[in-house]
Amino acid sequence: MGLWLGASNNRPSDVESFVEEINTLRKNLAQGVSGEATADTFAAVCKPVGMKAKMIATENEWIFRQVSHKYRNPANKPSSAESAALLRFEQDETLLSFWDKGNSRTNYYRRITVQQSCLTCHGDQEARPDFIKEKYPNDLAHSFQIGELRGIFSITLSTD
């Protein structure tokens, strides 16, 4: 598969396992959401996923991002390579993940699919919790339906 630099956990299987661990954590925490979402809900569901992903990525010298064309936080706007990956997922609803090897980087992309519990914060635009409306006045991450592509996990490994 090529040269994997950085920490010893830069094998493709390690990256894939990491992403599945993060996705499982996301799904399990989101399943616990019921009723109206609050800032505490965000702290209990979204924040732990992001913190764990950041910790593992830092330990392994990876760049980890969750991106979407319909982003809430402008920092999650996709790069041109990530936009191409999103398009590929949009065009093939059965595609779960893929690798993309470039000259100075290798990326792993993994689909994030909308579940019922996601709709509490990502469903109808007007039904979004007030704390989201206040914190993200230009929020694009709404009006999703169950089963739709929410976005992708994007992991970048240096191959320099």
Protein backbone atom coordinates (compact mmCIF):
# COMPACT_ATOMS: atom_id res chain seq x y z
CA MET A 1 0.00 0.00 0.00
CA GLY A 2 2.96 2.34 0.02
CA LEU A 3 5.00 4.01 2.69
CA TRP A 4 3.27 4.82 5.97
CA LEU A 5 5.18 7.41 7.97
CA GLY A 6 4.74 8.88 11.42
CA ALA A 7 3.66 6.77 14.36
CA SER A 8 3.64 2.99 14.11
CA ASN A 9 -0.16 2.95 13.73
CA ASN A 10 -0.19 4.29 10.18
CA ARG A 11 -1.23 1.04 8.55
CA PRO A 12 -4.45 1.20 6.54
CA SER A 13 -6.15 -1.29 8.86
CA ASP A 14 -5.33 0.94 11.85
CA VAL A 15 -6.86 3.99 10.17
CA GLU A 16 -9.97 2.05 9.19
CA SER A 17 -10.33 0.64 12.73
CA PHE A 18 -9.95 4.13 14.18
CA VAL A 19 -12.69 5.53 11.94
CA GLU A 20 -15.04 2.66 12.74
CA GLU A 21 -14.41 3.19 16.47
CA ILE A 22 -15.26 6.90 16.11
CA ASN A 23 -18.34 6.17 13.99
CA THR A 24 -19.59 3.55 16.48
CA LEU A 25 -19.09 5.99 19.35
CA ARG A 26 -21.00 8.66 17.40
CA LYS A 27 -23.90 6.29 16.68
CA ASN A 28 -24.07 4.93 20.24
CA LEU A 29 -24.03 8.36 21.87
CA ALA A 30 -26.57 9.74 19.38
CA GLN A 31 -28.96 6.89 20.13
CA GLY A 32 -29.22 8.21 23.68
CA VAL A 33 -30.71 11.50 22.44
CA SER A 34 -34.41 11.80 23.03
CA GLY A 35 -36.64 14.80 23.38
CA GLU A 36 -35.32 18.31 23.00
CA ALA A 37 -31.58 18.72 22.50
CA THR A 38 -29.74 21.22 24.67
CA ALA A 39 -26.18 22.43 24.99
CA ASP A 40 -25.76 19.58 27.50
CA THR A 41 -26.83 17.12 24.80
CA PHE A 42 -24.13 18.54 22.51
CA ALA A 43 -21.57 18.19 25.32
CA ALA A 44 -22.63 14.57 25.93
CA VAL A 45 -22.82 13.44 22.30
CA CYS A 46 -20.85 15.51 19.79
CA LYS A 47 -18.02 16.79 21.94
CA PRO A 48 -16.79 13.36 23.16
CA VAL A 49 -16.64 12.08 19.59
CA GLY A 50 -14.59 15.08 18.47
CA MET A 51 -12.29 14.93 21.48
CA LYS A 52 -11.59 11.19 21.08
CA ALA A 53 -10.97 11.61 17.35
CA LYS A 54 -8.61 14.51 17.96
CA MET A 55 -6.71 12.56 20.63
CA ILE A 56 -6.22 9.45 18.48
CA ALA A 57 -5.32 11.47 15.38
CA THR A 58 -2.76 13.53 17.31
CA GLU A 59 -1.18 10.39 18.78
CA ASN A 60 -0.81 8.94 15.28
CA GLU A 61 0.17 12.16 13.47
CA TRP A 62 -2.98 12.11 11.34
CA ILE A 63 -5.22 14.98 10.34
CA PHE A 64 -8.81 14.10 11.18
CA ARG A 65 -11.78 16.12 9.96
CA GLN A 66 -15.53 15.72 9.75
CA VAL A 67 -16.68 17.66 6.70
CA SER A 68 -19.83 18.29 4.72
CA HIS A 69 -21.13 20.64 2.06
CA LYS A 70 -23.89 21.36 4.56
CA TYR A 71 -21.61 22.34 7.45
CA ARG A 72 -22.56 23.97 10.72
CA ASN A 73 -19.11 25.25 11.61
CA PRO A 74 -17.22 26.97 8.74
CA ALA A 75 -14.07 25.11 9.89
CA ASN A 76 -15.77 21.96 8.57
CA LYS A 77 -16.10 23.25 5.03
CA PRO A 78 -14.54 20.66 2.72
CA SER A 79 -11.29 21.19 0.82
CA SER A 80 -11.31 20.57 -2.92
CA ALA A 81 -10.14 16.96 -2.39
CA GLU A 82 -12.82 16.44 0.27
CA SER A 83 -15.46 17.96 -2.04
CA ALA A 84 -14.47 15.42 -4.69
CA ALA A 85 -14.78 12.65 -2.10
CA LEU A 86 -18.22 13.91 -1.05
CA LEU A 87 -19.31 13.90 -4.68
CA ARG A 88 -18.15 10.32 -5.06
CA PHE A 89 -20.26 9.30 -2.02
CA GLU A 90 -23.25 11.26 -3.38
CA GLN A 91 -22.98 9.43 -6.69
CA ASP A 92 -22.71 5.98 -5.10
CA GLU A 93 -25.05 5.46 -2.15
CA THR A 94 -23.54 2.01 -1.51
CA LEU A 95 -19.98 3.34 -1.07
CA LEU A 96 -18.99 3.19 2.59
CA SER A 97 -15.31 4.23 2.37
CA PHE A 98 -12.30 4.54 0.10
CA TRP A 99 -8.61 5.43 0.00
CA ASP A 100 -7.11 8.18 -2.18
CA LYS A 101 -3.33 8.25 -2.57
CA GLY A 102 -1.71 11.47 -3.75
CA ASN A 103 1.90 12.57 -4.18
CA SER A 104 2.42 13.95 -0.69
CA ARG A 105 -0.62 12.59 1.15
CA THR A 106 -2.92 9.64 1.48
CA ASN A 107 -6.52 10.13 2.51
CA TYR A 108 -9.11 7.77 3.87
CA TYR A 109 -12.72 8.84 3.54
CA ARG A 110 -15.69 7.28 5.36
CA ARG A 111 -19.38 8.04 4.86
CA ILE A 112 -21.45 9.51 7.72
CA THR A 113 -25.10 8.56 7.29
CA VAL A 114 -28.02 10.36 8.97
CA GLN A 115 -29.82 8.33 11.64
CA GLN A 116 -33.13 9.10 13.32
CA SER A 117 -31.36 10.53 16.38
CA CYS A 118 -29.38 12.95 14.16
CA LEU A 119 -32.58 14.74 13.18
CA THR A 120 -32.91 16.31 16.63
CA CYS A 121 -30.22 18.79 15.60
CA HIS A 122 -29.96 18.20 11.84
CA GLY A 123 -33.63 17.86 10.83
CA ASP A 124 -36.09 20.67 10.11
CA GLN A 125 -34.38 24.07 10.03
CA GLU A 126 -36.92 25.74 12.31
CA ALA A 127 -36.94 22.84 14.80
CA ARG A 128 -33.21 23.09 15.54
CA PRO A 129 -32.42 23.74 19.22
CA ASP A 130 -32.07 27.39 20.18
CA PHE A 131 -28.46 26.99 21.29
CA ILE A 132 -27.54 25.88 17.75
CA LYS A 133 -29.44 28.75 16.13
CA GLU A 134 -27.64 31.20 18.42
CA LYS A 135 -24.14 29.69 18.15
CA TYR A 136 -24.32 29.02 14.38
CA PRO A 137 -26.44 31.72 12.73
CA ASN A 138 -25.23 30.63 9.25
CA ASP A 139 -25.81 26.92 9.92
CA LEU A 140 -26.19 24.81 6.77
CA ALA A 141 -26.37 21.46 8.61
CA HIS A 142 -30.13 21.02 8.65
CA SER A 143 -33.03 19.60 6.62
CA PHE A 144 -31.51 16.12 6.44
CA GLN A 145 -33.54 12.93 6.09
CA ILE A 146 -32.80 9.50 7.57
CA GLY A 147 -30.34 7.58 5.42
CA GLU A 148 -28.92 10.62 3.63
CA LEU A 149 -25.22 11.39 3.40
CA ARG A 150 -24.52 13.74 6.31
CA GLY A 151 -20.85 14.18 5.50
CA ILE A 152 -17.59 12.27 5.71
CA PHE A 153 -14.76 11.49 8.04
CA SER A 154 -11.54 12.59 6.32
CA ILE A 155 -8.21 11.28 7.58
CA THR A 156 -4.99 12.53 6.02
CA LEU A 157 -1.67 10.76 6.36
CA SER A 158 1.56 12.30 5.14
CA THR A 159 3.54 10.22 2.68
CA ASP A 160 6.50 12.61 2.49
